[in-house]
Amino acid sequence: MSVRPVIESVVVRFNERVSKDPELRKELAGLTKKVQLDLGQEKYYFVLKECCVPCVCDGVMTETPDITLFSDPETITKIVSGEMKMMKAWALKKVRLKGSIEDLMRFRKFL
């Protein structure tokens, strides 16, 4: 079973949150960030631009991403459902992130 619907639900929630939160919009204003999700057999990417993520795409980005998240579908599903906290997944090495510290701190706003 694909984890794509789980990722899309996170993007929908994020976009809704940004539309309702002027402080978050202000923080994200002018940012363009490319994010790659490498979940083993499943790979997805998206671009945050103009305070919105318009879609989730299958595959690997042709450009160098600003943030790359390495994990597996089961862990991502547990994090999104609240069954596992992101920090616990990171401590157990079930999630690895690659990118600048500033970008990684912004990425937490997705979850």
Protein backbone atom coordinates (compact mmCIF):
# COMPACT_ATOMS: atom_id res chain seq x y z
CA MET A 1 0.00 0.00 0.00
CA SER A 2 1.36 3.41 -1.00
CA VAL A 3 2.02 6.13 1.56
CA ARG A 4 1.20 8.81 -1.03
CA PRO A 5 -2.32 9.52 0.38
CA VAL A 6 -0.77 10.09 3.82
CA ILE A 7 1.74 12.57 2.38
CA GLU A 8 -0.99 14.33 0.40
CA SER A 9 -3.09 14.67 3.56
CA VAL A 10 -0.15 16.37 5.31
CA VAL A 11 0.21 18.79 2.40
CA VAL A 12 -3.53 19.60 2.46
CA ARG A 13 -3.40 20.26 6.23
CA PHE A 14 -0.28 22.39 5.79
CA ASN A 15 -1.86 24.49 3.02
CA GLU A 16 -5.01 24.97 5.12
CA ARG A 17 -2.91 26.01 8.11
CA VAL A 18 -0.96 28.54 6.06
CA SER A 19 -4.18 30.01 4.65
CA LYS A 20 -5.53 30.60 8.18
CA ASP A 21 -2.32 31.66 9.97
CA PRO A 22 -1.00 35.12 9.03
CA GLU A 23 2.15 34.64 11.15
CA LEU A 24 3.05 31.43 9.32
CA ARG A 25 2.37 33.12 5.96
CA LYS A 26 4.65 35.97 6.99
CA GLU A 27 7.40 33.53 7.98
CA LEU A 28 7.13 31.64 4.68
CA ALA A 29 6.71 34.71 2.45
CA GLY A 30 9.23 34.79 -0.37
CA LEU A 31 10.53 31.28 0.32
CA THR A 32 10.92 28.62 -2.32
CA LYS A 33 12.05 25.24 -0.96
CA LYS A 34 12.39 21.93 -2.76
CA VAL A 35 11.76 18.81 -0.66
CA GLN A 36 12.59 15.21 -1.59
CA LEU A 37 11.09 12.28 0.34
CA ASP A 38 13.10 9.08 -0.05
CA LEU A 39 11.07 6.26 1.48
CA GLY A 40 13.01 3.36 -0.03
CA GLN A 41 10.80 1.93 -2.76
CA GLU A 42 8.65 5.08 -2.76
CA LYS A 43 10.07 8.49 -3.66
CA TYR A 44 8.15 11.76 -3.77
CA TYR A 45 8.94 15.44 -3.98
CA PHE A 46 7.22 18.78 -3.66
CA VAL A 47 8.03 22.45 -3.84
CA LEU A 48 6.97 25.07 -1.31
CA LYS A 49 6.49 28.31 -3.24
CA GLU A 50 4.42 31.40 -2.50
CA CYS A 51 3.35 29.90 0.86
CA CYS A 52 1.77 26.88 -0.81
CA VAL A 53 2.58 23.33 -1.86
CA PRO A 54 0.48 22.83 -5.01
CA CYS A 55 1.10 19.10 -5.43
CA VAL A 56 3.09 16.01 -4.49
CA CYS A 57 5.00 14.46 -7.38
CA ASP A 58 6.26 10.90 -7.78
CA GLY A 59 9.94 10.18 -8.26
CA VAL A 60 13.22 11.99 -7.77
CA MET A 61 13.71 15.72 -8.36
CA THR A 62 15.87 16.69 -11.29
CA GLU A 63 17.14 19.68 -9.27
CA THR A 64 19.06 19.47 -6.00
CA PRO A 65 16.53 19.53 -3.13
CA ASP A 66 16.91 21.91 -0.19
CA ILE A 67 15.67 19.20 2.20
CA THR A 68 15.80 15.43 1.82
CA LEU A 69 13.94 13.18 4.23
CA PHE A 70 14.97 9.51 4.36
CA SER A 71 12.63 7.04 6.06
CA ASP A 72 10.15 4.28 5.25
CA PRO A 73 6.39 4.30 4.62
CA GLU A 74 5.53 2.66 7.96
CA THR A 75 7.43 5.25 10.00
CA ILE A 76 5.96 8.18 8.07
CA THR A 77 2.45 6.78 8.57
CA LYS A 78 3.08 6.42 12.32
CA ILE A 79 4.42 9.98 12.59
CA VAL A 80 1.47 11.49 10.71
CA SER A 81 -1.08 9.48 12.72
CA GLY A 82 0.55 10.55 15.99
CA GLU A 83 1.48 7.00 16.91
CA MET A 84 5.18 8.02 16.89
CA LYS A 85 6.76 11.41 17.58
CA MET A 86 9.21 12.80 15.03
CA MET A 87 11.96 13.14 17.66
CA LYS A 88 11.58 9.49 18.68
CA ALA A 89 11.78 8.39 15.03
CA TRP A 90 14.88 10.51 14.61
CA ALA A 91 16.47 9.13 17.80
CA LEU A 92 15.75 5.57 16.64
CA LYS A 93 17.31 6.47 13.26
CA LYS A 94 14.05 5.72 11.48
CA VAL A 95 14.12 9.22 9.99
CA ARG A 96 17.13 11.09 8.64
CA LEU A 97 17.07 14.62 7.32
CA LYS A 98 19.56 16.33 5.06
CA GLY A 99 19.55 20.10 4.63
CA SER A 100 20.47 23.33 6.38
CA ILE A 101 19.49 23.65 10.04
CA GLU A 102 17.24 26.60 9.19
CA ASP A 103 15.41 24.58 6.51
CA LEU A 104 15.09 21.56 8.79
CA MET A 105 13.52 23.70 11.52
CA ARG A 106 10.97 25.01 9.00
CA PHE A 107 10.24 21.47 7.81
CA ARG A 108 8.81 20.58 11.23
CA LYS A 109 5.89 22.89 10.45
CA PHE A 110 4.62 20.28 8.01
CA LEU A 111 3.95 17.74 10.74
